[in-house]
Protein backbone atom coordinates (compact mmCIF):
# COMPACT_ATOMS: atom_id res chain seq x y z
CA MET A 1 42.30 155.96 46.69
CA ALA A 2 43.27 152.37 47.51
CA ILE A 3 42.83 149.66 44.88
CA TYR A 4 41.37 147.35 47.49
CA THR A 5 37.89 147.87 48.87
CA LYS A 6 37.52 144.77 51.08
CA ARG A 7 33.95 144.40 49.77
CA GLY A 8 34.89 141.17 47.96
CA ASP A 9 36.42 139.45 50.97
CA LYS A 10 33.39 137.21 51.45
CA GLY A 11 33.31 135.87 47.89
CA GLU A 12 31.05 138.41 46.24
CA THR A 13 31.63 141.22 43.80
CA SER A 14 29.56 144.13 42.59
CA MET A 15 28.14 143.87 39.10
CA PHE A 16 25.38 145.46 37.04
CA ASP A 17 22.14 143.48 37.21
CA LYS A 18 20.48 143.83 33.79
CA GLU A 19 17.03 142.78 35.03
CA ALA A 20 16.97 145.21 37.96
CA SER A 21 18.90 147.92 36.05
CA GLN A 22 21.15 148.49 39.03
CA ARG A 23 24.31 147.23 40.68
CA ALA A 24 24.02 144.07 42.76
CA ARG A 25 26.27 141.74 44.74
CA VAL A 26 27.13 138.58 42.79
CA SER A 27 28.96 135.45 43.88
CA LYS A 28 32.48 135.29 42.46
CA ASP A 29 31.76 131.77 41.21
CA SER A 30 28.74 132.81 39.15
CA LEU A 31 28.65 131.94 35.45
CA ARG A 32 29.06 135.57 34.45
CA VAL A 33 32.04 136.18 36.72
CA GLU A 34 33.60 132.93 35.49
CA ALA A 35 33.16 134.03 31.86
CA LEU A 36 34.63 137.45 32.65
CA GLY A 37 37.60 135.82 34.38
CA SER A 38 38.25 133.64 31.34
CA ILE A 39 38.14 136.70 29.06
CA ASP A 40 40.57 138.51 31.37
CA GLU A 41 42.92 135.51 31.45
CA LEU A 42 43.03 135.30 27.66
CA ASN A 43 43.48 139.05 27.29
CA SER A 44 46.31 139.10 29.83
CA PHE A 45 48.11 136.23 28.13
CA LEU A 46 47.72 137.93 24.75
CA GLY A 47 49.55 140.87 26.33
CA ILE A 48 52.49 138.54 26.93
CA VAL A 49 52.30 137.18 23.39
CA LYS A 50 52.13 140.66 21.88
CA THR A 51 55.47 141.58 23.45
CA SER A 52 57.13 138.79 21.45
CA LEU A 53 55.37 139.22 18.11
CA GLU A 54 57.57 140.54 15.34
CA GLY A 55 56.23 143.10 12.91
CA LYS A 56 53.66 145.84 13.16
CA LYS A 57 50.80 143.87 11.58
CA PRO A 58 50.82 140.93 14.04
CA GLN A 59 51.13 143.36 16.97
CA LYS A 60 48.26 145.42 15.56
CA VAL A 61 46.11 142.29 15.19
CA ALA A 62 46.87 141.22 18.77
CA GLY A 63 46.08 144.71 20.07
CA GLU A 64 42.77 144.81 18.22
CA ILE A 65 41.85 141.39 19.62
CA GLN A 66 42.67 142.65 23.11
CA ARG A 67 40.47 145.72 22.68
CA ASN A 68 37.65 143.54 21.34
CA LEU A 69 37.97 141.25 24.37
CA LEU A 70 37.72 144.28 26.66
CA THR A 71 34.56 145.35 24.84
CA ILE A 72 33.10 141.85 25.08
CA GLY A 73 33.96 141.76 28.78
CA SER A 74 32.35 145.14 29.33
CA ILE A 75 29.17 144.05 27.55
CA THR A 76 29.13 140.80 29.53
CA ALA A 77 29.47 142.82 32.73
CA GLY A 78 26.37 144.82 31.78
CA SER A 79 27.53 147.85 29.80
CA LYS A 80 25.48 149.25 26.94
CA LEU A 81 28.40 149.01 24.47
CA ARG A 82 27.79 147.30 21.15
CA PHE A 83 29.85 144.69 19.37
CA SER A 84 29.75 144.61 15.60
CA SER A 85 29.92 141.53 13.38
CA VAL A 86 32.45 143.58 11.35
CA GLN A 87 35.04 142.37 13.88
CA THR A 88 34.26 138.74 12.99
CA LYS A 89 34.55 139.56 9.28
CA LYS A 90 38.02 141.00 9.93
CA LEU A 91 39.08 137.75 11.58
CA GLU A 92 37.65 135.75 8.67
CA ARG A 93 39.59 137.85 6.15
CA LEU A 94 42.79 137.32 8.13
CA ILE A 95 42.18 133.56 8.36
CA ASP A 96 41.54 133.41 4.60
CA GLU A 97 44.71 135.41 3.91
CA LEU A 98 46.82 133.14 6.11
CA GLU A 99 45.31 129.96 4.67
CA GLY A 100 46.32 131.18 1.21
CA LYS A 101 49.95 131.59 2.32
CA LEU A 102 50.46 128.55 4.54
CA PRO A 103 50.92 124.90 3.60
CA VAL A 104 47.62 123.01 3.35
CA LEU A 105 46.86 121.18 6.56
CA LYS A 106 45.22 117.76 6.45
CA ASN A 107 46.10 116.50 9.92
CA PHE A 108 46.12 117.68 13.49
CA ILE A 109 49.37 119.30 14.51
CA VAL A 110 51.27 119.21 17.77
CA PRO A 111 51.32 122.67 19.35
CA GLY A 112 54.81 124.06 19.63
CA GLY A 113 57.55 125.12 17.29
CA ASN A 114 59.06 128.29 18.66
CA LEU A 115 58.04 130.04 21.88
CA VAL A 116 55.74 132.62 20.24
CA SER A 117 53.90 129.96 18.25
CA ALA A 118 53.46 127.84 21.38
CA GLN A 119 52.12 130.90 23.21
CA LEU A 120 49.66 131.56 20.39
CA GLN A 121 48.52 127.93 20.59
CA TYR A 122 48.01 128.34 24.32
CA SER A 123 46.05 131.53 23.59
CA ARG A 124 43.92 129.47 21.19
CA ALA A 125 43.13 127.01 24.00
CA LEU A 126 42.26 129.90 26.33
CA ALA A 127 40.00 131.36 23.62
CA ARG A 128 38.16 128.05 23.40
CA ARG A 129 37.62 128.15 27.16
CA VAL A 130 36.23 131.68 26.87
CA GLU A 131 33.88 130.46 24.16
CA ARG A 132 32.71 127.52 26.28
CA ARG A 133 32.08 129.77 29.29
CA MET A 134 30.16 132.26 27.13
CA VAL A 135 28.05 129.50 25.58
CA THR A 136 27.20 128.25 29.07
CA LEU A 137 26.33 131.80 30.14
CA SER A 138 24.21 132.31 27.01
CA LYS A 139 21.89 129.53 28.20
CA VAL A 140 21.04 131.63 31.27
CA GLU A 141 21.54 135.21 30.07
CA GLY A 142 21.22 136.73 26.64
CA ILE A 143 24.57 136.86 24.85
CA LYS A 144 24.55 138.55 21.45
CA PRO A 145 25.17 136.04 18.64
CA GLN A 146 27.86 138.27 17.10
CA ILE A 147 29.92 137.86 20.30
CA LEU A 148 29.67 134.06 20.17
CA GLU A 149 30.57 134.11 16.45
CA TYR A 150 33.61 136.31 17.12
CA LEU A 151 34.84 134.02 19.89
CA ASN A 152 34.44 131.01 17.61
CA ARG A 153 36.59 132.65 14.91
CA LEU A 154 39.10 133.90 17.45
CA SER A 155 40.46 130.45 18.27
CA ASP A 156 40.84 129.72 14.54
CA THR A 157 42.65 133.02 14.07
CA LEU A 158 45.09 132.31 16.89
CA PHE A 159 45.74 128.85 15.44
CA MET A 160 46.54 130.33 12.04
CA LEU A 161 48.76 133.02 13.56
CA ALA A 162 50.70 130.29 15.40
CA ARG A 163 51.22 128.44 12.14
CA GLU A 164 52.32 131.64 10.42
CA VAL A 165 54.90 132.37 13.13
CA ASN A 166 56.40 128.90 12.72
CA THR A 167 56.40 129.12 8.93
CA LYS A 168 58.19 132.50 9.01
CA ALA A 169 60.75 130.98 11.39
CA GLY A 170 61.31 128.04 9.00
CA ILE A 171 59.70 125.54 11.39
CA LYS A 172 57.44 122.91 9.85
CA ASP A 173 54.21 121.89 11.52
CA GLU A 174 54.67 118.68 13.52
CA ILE A 175 51.95 116.40 12.24
CA TRP A 176 50.17 114.23 14.77
CA ARG A 177 49.27 110.75 13.67
CA GLY A 178 47.35 108.63 16.11
CA LYS A 179 48.60 105.09 16.48
CA LYS A 180 46.20 102.27 15.80
CA LYS A 181 46.17 99.63 18.48
């Protein structure tokens, strides 16, 4: 079986229509397809990041985030899967744990440090885009609040993981101070 079907050549894709309870053709620039594309982009980039993470725990965290993003994407595409707020609680516990170990932050920081930290910061920015797209979609279609809550915590988690990577590498956060004119 070929991976290509040629059915999307005119800018439409097949997707489950929740209202009609059947598959329907949808424009590839629809809000739902845009949200799904953003989820896929983040998940793919996290796959790159995961290959560079050191230690089983960070790799496990990244893998769990990827699986959660696949679940969220599946639900957004119309599946009957469920997403539990337990996943958000796990992120909150990880954020709390990292905050307890890292230097207190009172300023914005410049993304960077080493390559893995910079990639995690980029992942954070992608996660924020996913959240924005899902919020926009939620104004038109019902998006479960636990999904929006998870996406909100996800960017914070990726930020904290980036800081942890730099700290473990002996790299201090570069503080940003805006200049007054």
